[in-house]
Amino acid sequence: MSDPHHPALGIDHGDARIGVAATDDFGILAHPVETIDRTKTDPLERIPQIVAQRRIKTLVLGLPVRMDGSEGASAEKVRAFAAKLQEKLPELPLVFVDETLTTSAASGKLREAGRKARQQKSVIDQAAAVEILNLWMEETC
């Protein structure tokens, strides 16, 4: 029996790139999917394609919250992007996860796996999206 929230799509929103990760049907593991280069691909076109291909049931967006818990310009950008994404995919629940430190956690894990800093660039956004999903799964389970 699959979980009603899974598979879920994790999104690490950035101005240049968007990292995308997904969970399995049971919400046991999150894995990298792809990095969307915003100069080449419209994420509001690509994400619905990924959602359809993977039969995604929940969207999980990382929300950049400051250390004091407040939201700034980056969080505003993510919320604006989320609103547009929700227009494209109104049937899917969209949840925010505090993504504070997810990129540094992802970078640390990549370093532990033997990836040097310059080798991380292509996968760091996906790894951050995996961290976002892992945080969400910890909170919801």
N, C-alpha and C. Protein backbone atom coordinates (compact mmCIF):
# COMPACT_ATOMS: atom_id res chain seq x y z
N MET A 1 0.86 -1.19 0.00
CA MET A 1 0.00 0.00 0.00
C MET A 1 0.90 1.24 0.00
N SER A 2 0.70 2.10 -0.98
CA SER A 2 1.53 3.31 -1.04
C SER A 2 0.96 4.39 -0.12
N ASP A 3 1.79 5.35 0.19
CA ASP A 3 1.44 6.46 1.09
C ASP A 3 0.70 7.53 0.28
N PRO A 4 -0.36 8.12 0.84
CA PRO A 4 -1.11 9.14 0.09
C PRO A 4 -0.33 10.43 -0.20
N HIS A 5 0.79 10.65 0.50
CA HIS A 5 1.60 11.85 0.28
C HIS A 5 2.76 11.61 -0.68
N HIS A 6 3.00 10.35 -1.02
CA HIS A 6 4.18 9.99 -1.81
C HIS A 6 3.79 9.33 -3.12
N PRO A 7 4.60 9.48 -4.14
CA PRO A 7 5.88 10.18 -4.11
C PRO A 7 5.70 11.69 -3.99
N ALA A 8 6.66 12.31 -3.33
CA ALA A 8 6.68 13.76 -3.16
C ALA A 8 7.85 14.33 -3.94
N LEU A 9 7.69 15.57 -4.38
CA LEU A 9 8.75 16.25 -5.12
C LEU A 9 9.32 17.36 -4.25
N GLY A 10 10.62 17.31 -4.02
CA GLY A 10 11.31 18.35 -3.25
C GLY A 10 11.92 19.35 -4.21
N ILE A 11 11.78 20.63 -3.88
CA ILE A 11 12.27 21.70 -4.76
C ILE A 11 13.13 22.67 -3.97
N ASP A 12 14.38 22.81 -4.43
CA ASP A 12 15.30 23.79 -3.87
C ASP A 12 15.36 24.95 -4.86
N HIS A 13 14.63 26.01 -4.57
CA HIS A 13 14.49 27.15 -5.48
C HIS A 13 15.70 28.06 -5.42
N GLY A 14 16.21 28.40 -6.58
CA GLY A 14 17.32 29.34 -6.66
C GLY A 14 17.13 30.26 -7.86
N ASP A 15 17.82 31.39 -7.85
CA ASP A 15 17.69 32.34 -8.95
C ASP A 15 18.25 31.79 -10.26
N ALA A 16 19.33 31.01 -10.19
CA ALA A 16 19.97 30.47 -11.40
C ALA A 16 19.54 29.04 -11.68
N ARG A 17 19.42 28.23 -10.60
CA ARG A 17 19.11 26.82 -10.77
C ARG A 17 18.07 26.39 -9.74
N ILE A 18 17.32 25.36 -10.11
CA ILE A 18 16.36 24.76 -9.19
C ILE A 18 16.70 23.28 -9.06
N GLY A 19 16.97 22.86 -7.84
CA GLY A 19 17.26 21.45 -7.59
C GLY A 19 15.95 20.71 -7.34
N VAL A 20 15.87 19.51 -7.92
CA VAL A 20 14.65 18.71 -7.80
C VAL A 20 15.03 17.32 -7.30
N ALA A 21 14.27 16.83 -6.32
CA ALA A 21 14.45 15.49 -5.79
C ALA A 21 13.06 14.88 -5.61
N ALA A 22 13.02 13.57 -5.45
CA ALA A 22 11.73 12.89 -5.26
C ALA A 22 11.87 11.78 -4.24
N THR A 23 10.75 11.46 -3.60
CA THR A 23 10.73 10.30 -2.71
C THR A 23 10.24 9.10 -3.50
N ASP A 24 10.42 7.93 -2.91
CA ASP A 24 9.83 6.73 -3.50
C ASP A 24 8.33 6.72 -3.14
N ASP A 25 7.61 5.71 -3.62
CA ASP A 25 6.17 5.63 -3.40
C ASP A 25 5.78 5.49 -1.93
N PHE A 26 6.73 5.05 -1.10
CA PHE A 26 6.42 4.80 0.30
C PHE A 26 6.95 5.87 1.24
N GLY A 27 7.70 6.84 0.70
CA GLY A 27 8.26 7.89 1.55
C GLY A 27 9.38 7.40 2.43
N ILE A 28 10.12 6.38 1.94
CA ILE A 28 11.24 5.85 2.71
C ILE A 28 12.53 6.59 2.35
N LEU A 29 12.75 6.79 1.06
CA LEU A 29 13.99 7.43 0.60
C LEU A 29 13.70 8.59 -0.34
N ALA A 30 14.57 9.59 -0.28
CA ALA A 30 14.54 10.69 -1.24
C ALA A 30 15.78 10.56 -2.10
N HIS A 31 15.64 10.84 -3.39
CA HIS A 31 16.78 10.75 -4.29
C HIS A 31 16.79 11.93 -5.26
N PRO A 32 17.97 12.32 -5.74
CA PRO A 32 18.07 13.43 -6.69
C PRO A 32 17.37 13.10 -8.00
N VAL A 33 16.79 14.11 -8.62
CA VAL A 33 16.13 13.92 -9.92
C VAL A 33 16.87 14.71 -11.00
N GLU A 34 16.90 16.03 -10.85
CA GLU A 34 17.61 16.85 -11.83
C GLU A 34 17.79 18.26 -11.31
N THR A 35 18.65 19.00 -12.02
CA THR A 35 18.82 20.43 -11.76
C THR A 35 18.27 21.16 -12.97
N ILE A 36 17.35 22.07 -12.73
CA ILE A 36 16.78 22.87 -13.80
C ILE A 36 17.56 24.17 -13.91
N ASP A 37 18.20 24.36 -15.05
CA ASP A 37 18.94 25.60 -15.33
C ASP A 37 17.93 26.61 -15.83
N ARG A 38 17.69 27.65 -15.04
CA ARG A 38 16.63 28.62 -15.38
C ARG A 38 16.93 29.43 -16.63
N THR A 39 18.21 29.48 -17.05
CA THR A 39 18.52 30.23 -18.28
C THR A 39 18.13 29.42 -19.51
N LYS A 40 17.96 28.11 -19.36
CA LYS A 40 17.66 27.24 -20.49
C LYS A 40 16.25 26.65 -20.46
N THR A 41 15.69 26.50 -19.26
CA THR A 41 14.42 25.80 -19.10
C THR A 41 13.51 26.57 -18.15
N ASP A 42 12.24 26.68 -18.52
CA ASP A 42 11.26 27.32 -17.64
C ASP A 42 10.81 26.29 -16.60
N PRO A 43 11.13 26.53 -15.33
CA PRO A 43 10.77 25.55 -14.30
C PRO A 43 9.25 25.34 -14.18
N LEU A 44 8.47 26.36 -14.54
CA LEU A 44 7.01 26.23 -14.45
C LEU A 44 6.46 25.35 -15.58
N GLU A 45 7.29 25.06 -16.58
CA GLU A 45 6.92 24.08 -17.61
C GLU A 45 7.50 22.71 -17.26
N ARG A 46 8.75 22.70 -16.78
CA ARG A 46 9.45 21.43 -16.53
C ARG A 46 8.90 20.69 -15.30
N ILE A 47 8.63 21.40 -14.22
CA ILE A 47 8.17 20.73 -13.00
C ILE A 47 6.85 19.96 -13.22
N PRO A 48 5.84 20.55 -13.91
CA PRO A 48 4.64 19.75 -14.18
C PRO A 48 4.92 18.48 -15.01
N GLN A 49 5.92 18.52 -15.89
CA GLN A 49 6.30 17.33 -16.65
C GLN A 49 6.84 16.25 -15.70
N ILE A 50 7.71 16.67 -14.78
CA ILE A 50 8.27 15.72 -13.81
C ILE A 50 7.16 15.16 -12.93
N VAL A 51 6.23 16.01 -12.51
CA VAL A 51 5.10 15.60 -11.68
C VAL A 51 4.30 14.51 -12.39
N ALA A 52 4.03 14.71 -13.68
CA ALA A 52 3.25 13.73 -14.45
C ALA A 52 4.04 12.42 -14.61
N GLN A 53 5.32 12.53 -14.97
CA GLN A 53 6.14 11.33 -15.18
C GLN A 53 6.24 10.48 -13.93
N ARG A 54 6.37 11.13 -12.78
CA ARG A 54 6.61 10.40 -11.52
C ARG A 54 5.35 10.22 -10.68
N ARG A 55 4.20 10.66 -11.19
CA ARG A 55 2.93 10.55 -10.46
C ARG A 55 3.06 11.14 -9.04
N ILE A 56 3.60 12.36 -8.98
CA ILE A 56 3.84 13.06 -7.72
C ILE A 56 2.51 13.41 -7.05
N LYS A 57 2.48 13.27 -5.72
CA LYS A 57 1.27 13.56 -4.94
C LYS A 57 1.40 14.77 -4.04
N THR A 58 2.65 15.22 -3.75
CA THR A 58 2.87 16.36 -2.87
C THR A 58 4.09 17.15 -3.36
N LEU A 59 3.98 18.47 -3.33
CA LEU A 59 5.11 19.35 -3.64
C LEU A 59 5.66 19.90 -2.34
N VAL A 60 6.99 19.81 -2.18
CA VAL A 60 7.64 20.28 -0.96
C VAL A 60 8.70 21.30 -1.36
N LEU A 61 8.46 22.55 -1.01
CA LEU A 61 9.39 23.62 -1.36
C LEU A 61 10.19 24.06 -0.15
N GLY A 62 11.48 24.23 -0.37
CA GLY A 62 12.33 24.77 0.67
C GLY A 62 12.09 26.26 0.79
N LEU A 63 11.87 26.73 2.00
CA LEU A 63 11.64 28.15 2.25
C LEU A 63 12.83 28.71 3.03
N PRO A 64 13.54 29.67 2.42
CA PRO A 64 14.70 30.24 3.13
C PRO A 64 14.28 31.17 4.26
N VAL A 65 14.43 30.69 5.46
CA VAL A 65 14.07 31.46 6.65
C VAL A 65 15.37 31.91 7.32
N ARG A 66 15.39 33.16 7.76
CA ARG A 66 16.59 33.67 8.45
C ARG A 66 16.78 32.97 9.78
N MET A 67 17.98 33.07 10.32
CA MET A 67 18.28 32.43 11.60
C MET A 67 17.35 32.89 12.72
N ASP A 68 16.84 34.13 12.61
CA ASP A 68 15.94 34.62 13.66
C ASP A 68 14.48 34.23 13.40
N GLY A 69 14.26 33.44 12.33
CA GLY A 69 12.92 32.96 12.04
C GLY A 69 12.12 33.86 11.11
N SER A 70 12.65 35.02 10.76
CA SER A 70 11.92 35.93 9.88
C SER A 70 12.17 35.57 8.41
N GLU A 71 11.34 36.15 7.55
CA GLU A 71 11.47 35.90 6.12
C GLU A 71 11.92 37.17 5.42
N GLY A 72 12.78 37.02 4.42
CA GLY A 72 13.28 38.16 3.66
C GLY A 72 12.91 38.06 2.20
N ALA A 73 13.69 38.73 1.36
CA ALA A 73 13.43 38.78 -0.08
C ALA A 73 13.48 37.40 -0.73
N SER A 74 14.40 36.55 -0.27
CA SER A 74 14.50 35.20 -0.84
C SER A 74 13.23 34.40 -0.59
N ALA A 75 12.69 34.49 0.61
CA ALA A 75 11.45 33.79 0.95
C ALA A 75 10.29 34.33 0.11
N GLU A 76 10.27 35.64 -0.12
CA GLU A 76 9.24 36.24 -0.97
C GLU A 76 9.29 35.66 -2.38
N LYS A 77 10.51 35.50 -2.92
CA LYS A 77 10.67 34.91 -4.25
C LYS A 77 10.14 33.49 -4.29
N VAL A 78 10.45 32.71 -3.25
CA VAL A 78 9.98 31.33 -3.20
C VAL A 78 8.46 31.28 -3.10
N ARG A 79 7.87 32.14 -2.27
CA ARG A 79 6.41 32.17 -2.13
C ARG A 79 5.74 32.59 -3.45
N ALA A 80 6.34 33.53 -4.18
CA ALA A 80 5.80 33.95 -5.47
C ALA A 80 5.88 32.80 -6.48
N PHE A 81 7.02 32.11 -6.49
CA PHE A 81 7.20 30.95 -7.37
C PHE A 81 6.18 29.86 -7.01
N ALA A 82 5.99 29.62 -5.72
CA ALA A 82 5.05 28.61 -5.25
C ALA A 82 3.63 28.93 -5.71
N ALA A 83 3.26 30.20 -5.67
CA ALA A 83 1.91 30.60 -6.11
C ALA A 83 1.71 30.29 -7.60
N LYS A 84 2.74 30.56 -8.41
CA LYS A 84 2.66 30.25 -9.85
C LYS A 84 2.61 28.75 -10.08
N LEU A 85 3.39 28.01 -9.31
CA LEU A 85 3.41 26.55 -9.43
C LEU A 85 2.06 25.97 -9.03
N GLN A 86 1.45 26.53 -7.98
CA GLN A 86 0.15 26.07 -7.52
C GLN A 86 -0.93 26.32 -8.59
N GLU A 87 -0.78 27.42 -9.36
CA GLU A 87 -1.71 27.68 -10.47
C GLU A 87 -1.59 26.59 -11.53
N LYS A 88 -0.37 26.12 -11.78
CA LYS A 88 -0.13 25.08 -12.79
C LYS A 88 -0.59 23.71 -12.29
N LEU A 89 -0.48 23.48 -10.98
CA LEU A 89 -0.78 22.17 -10.40
C LEU A 89 -1.73 22.32 -9.21
N PRO A 90 -2.95 22.83 -9.46
CA PRO A 90 -3.87 23.15 -8.35
C PRO A 90 -4.33 21.93 -7.56
N GLU A 91 -4.23 20.74 -8.15
CA GLU A 91 -4.70 19.53 -7.47
C GLU A 91 -3.72 18.99 -6.43
N LEU A 92 -2.48 19.50 -6.45
CA LEU A 92 -1.47 18.98 -5.54
C LEU A 92 -1.29 19.84 -4.30
N PRO A 93 -1.19 19.20 -3.12
CA PRO A 93 -0.85 19.98 -1.93
C PRO A 93 0.59 20.48 -2.04
N LEU A 94 0.81 21.70 -1.58
CA LEU A 94 2.14 22.30 -1.60
C LEU A 94 2.48 22.69 -0.18
N VAL A 95 3.61 22.19 0.31
CA VAL A 95 4.03 22.51 1.67
C VAL A 95 5.41 23.15 1.64
N PHE A 96 5.65 24.00 2.62
CA PHE A 96 6.96 24.64 2.76
C PHE A 96 7.72 23.99 3.90
N VAL A 97 9.03 23.87 3.72
CA VAL A 97 9.92 23.36 4.77
C VAL A 97 11.03 24.39 4.95
N ASP A 98 11.34 24.69 6.20
CA ASP A 98 12.44 25.61 6.48
C ASP A 98 13.73 24.98 5.96
N GLU A 99 14.31 25.62 4.94
CA GLU A 99 15.49 25.04 4.30
C GLU A 99 16.79 25.58 4.87
N THR A 100 16.73 26.28 5.99
CA THR A 100 17.93 26.82 6.60
C THR A 100 18.97 25.72 6.75
N LEU A 101 20.15 25.96 6.25
CA LEU A 101 21.29 25.05 6.36
C LEU A 101 21.21 23.79 5.50
N THR A 102 20.18 23.64 4.64
CA THR A 102 20.11 22.42 3.82
C THR A 102 21.24 22.36 2.81
N THR A 103 21.60 23.51 2.23
CA THR A 103 22.68 23.50 1.24
C THR A 103 24.01 23.16 1.90
N SER A 104 24.26 23.71 3.10
CA SER A 104 25.52 23.38 3.77
C SER A 104 25.53 21.92 4.22
N ALA A 105 24.38 21.38 4.63
CA ALA A 105 24.31 19.96 5.00
C ALA A 105 24.56 19.09 3.78
N ALA A 106 23.95 19.47 2.64
CA ALA A 106 24.15 18.72 1.40
C ALA A 106 25.60 18.77 0.97
N SER A 107 26.21 19.94 1.08
CA SER A 107 27.62 20.11 0.70
C SER A 107 28.51 19.22 1.56
N GLY A 108 28.23 19.17 2.85
CA GLY A 108 29.01 18.33 3.76
C GLY A 108 28.90 16.86 3.39
N LYS A 109 27.69 16.42 3.04
CA LYS A 109 27.51 15.02 2.66
C LYS A 109 28.23 14.71 1.34
N LEU A 110 28.19 15.65 0.42
CA LEU A 110 28.90 15.44 -0.85
C LEU A 110 30.41 15.37 -0.61
N ARG A 111 30.91 16.23 0.29
CA ARG A 111 32.34 16.19 0.63
C ARG A 111 32.71 14.84 1.23
N GLU A 112 31.84 14.36 2.15
CA GLU A 112 32.09 13.06 2.77
C GLU A 112 32.12 11.95 1.72
N ALA A 113 31.33 12.13 0.65
CA ALA A 113 31.28 11.13 -0.42
C ALA A 113 32.44 11.30 -1.40
N GLY A 114 33.33 12.27 -1.13
CA GLY A 114 34.51 12.43 -1.95
C GLY A 114 34.41 13.46 -3.06
N ARG A 115 33.33 14.23 -3.08
CA ARG A 115 33.19 15.27 -4.11
C ARG A 115 33.86 16.55 -3.65
N LYS A 116 34.79 17.04 -4.44
CA LYS A 116 35.43 18.32 -4.12
C LYS A 116 34.44 19.44 -4.43
N ALA A 117 34.69 20.62 -3.86
CA ALA A 117 33.77 21.76 -4.00
C ALA A 117 33.41 22.03 -5.45
N ARG A 118 34.41 22.03 -6.34
CA ARG A 118 34.09 22.37 -7.73
C ARG A 118 33.32 21.27 -8.45
N GLN A 119 33.37 20.05 -7.91
CA GLN A 119 32.59 18.95 -8.48
C GLN A 119 31.15 18.96 -7.97
N GLN A 120 30.88 19.75 -6.95
CA GLN A 120 29.55 19.77 -6.35
C GLN A 120 28.55 20.61 -7.13
N LYS A 121 29.05 21.58 -7.89
CA LYS A 121 28.16 22.56 -8.51
C LYS A 121 26.99 21.93 -9.27
N SER A 122 27.27 20.86 -10.02
CA SER A 122 26.24 20.26 -10.85
C SER A 122 25.17 19.52 -10.04
N VAL A 123 25.52 19.10 -8.83
CA VAL A 123 24.57 18.28 -8.05
C VAL A 123 24.15 18.89 -6.73
N ILE A 124 24.75 20.01 -6.34
CA ILE A 124 24.46 20.57 -5.01
C ILE A 124 22.98 20.94 -4.85
N ASP A 125 22.35 21.46 -5.92
CA ASP A 125 20.94 21.85 -5.81
C ASP A 125 20.04 20.62 -5.64
N GLN A 126 20.39 19.54 -6.35
CA GLN A 126 19.63 18.30 -6.18
C GLN A 126 19.81 17.74 -4.77
N ALA A 127 21.05 17.79 -4.29
CA ALA A 127 21.34 17.29 -2.94
C ALA A 127 20.59 18.12 -1.89
N ALA A 128 20.51 19.43 -2.10
CA ALA A 128 19.75 20.29 -1.17
C ALA A 128 18.26 19.93 -1.22
N ALA A 129 17.75 19.61 -2.42
CA ALA A 129 16.34 19.20 -2.54
C ALA A 129 16.09 17.88 -1.80
N VAL A 130 17.07 16.98 -1.84
CA VAL A 130 16.98 15.72 -1.07
C VAL A 130 16.90 16.05 0.42
N GLU A 131 17.74 16.98 0.89
CA GLU A 131 17.73 17.39 2.30
C GLU A 131 16.36 17.97 2.69
N ILE A 132 15.79 18.79 1.80
CA ILE A 132 14.47 19.38 2.05
C ILE A 132 13.43 18.27 2.23
N LEU A 133 13.46 17.28 1.34
CA LEU A 133 12.52 16.16 1.46
C LEU A 133 12.75 15.37 2.74
N ASN A 134 14.01 15.14 3.08
CA ASN A 134 14.32 14.39 4.31
C ASN A 134 13.77 15.12 5.54
N LEU A 135 13.92 16.45 5.58
CA LEU A 135 13.38 17.24 6.70
C LEU A 135 11.86 17.09 6.76
N TRP A 136 11.21 17.19 5.61
CA TRP A 136 9.75 17.08 5.55
C TRP A 136 9.30 15.70 6.02
N MET A 137 10.01 14.65 5.57
CA MET A 137 9.62 13.29 5.97
C MET A 137 9.80 13.10 7.48
N GLU A 138 10.85 13.70 8.05
CA GLU A 138 11.05 13.62 9.50
C GLU A 138 9.90 14.30 10.25
N GLU A 139 9.45 15.44 9.71
CA GLU A 139 8.37 16.21 10.35
C GLU A 139 7.02 15.53 10.23
N THR A 140 6.77 14.84 9.12
CA THR A 140 5.44 14.28 8.87
C THR A 140 5.28 12.85 9.36
N CYS A 141 6.38 12.17 9.63
CA CYS A 141 6.28 10.77 10.06
C CYS A 141 6.29 10.64 11.56
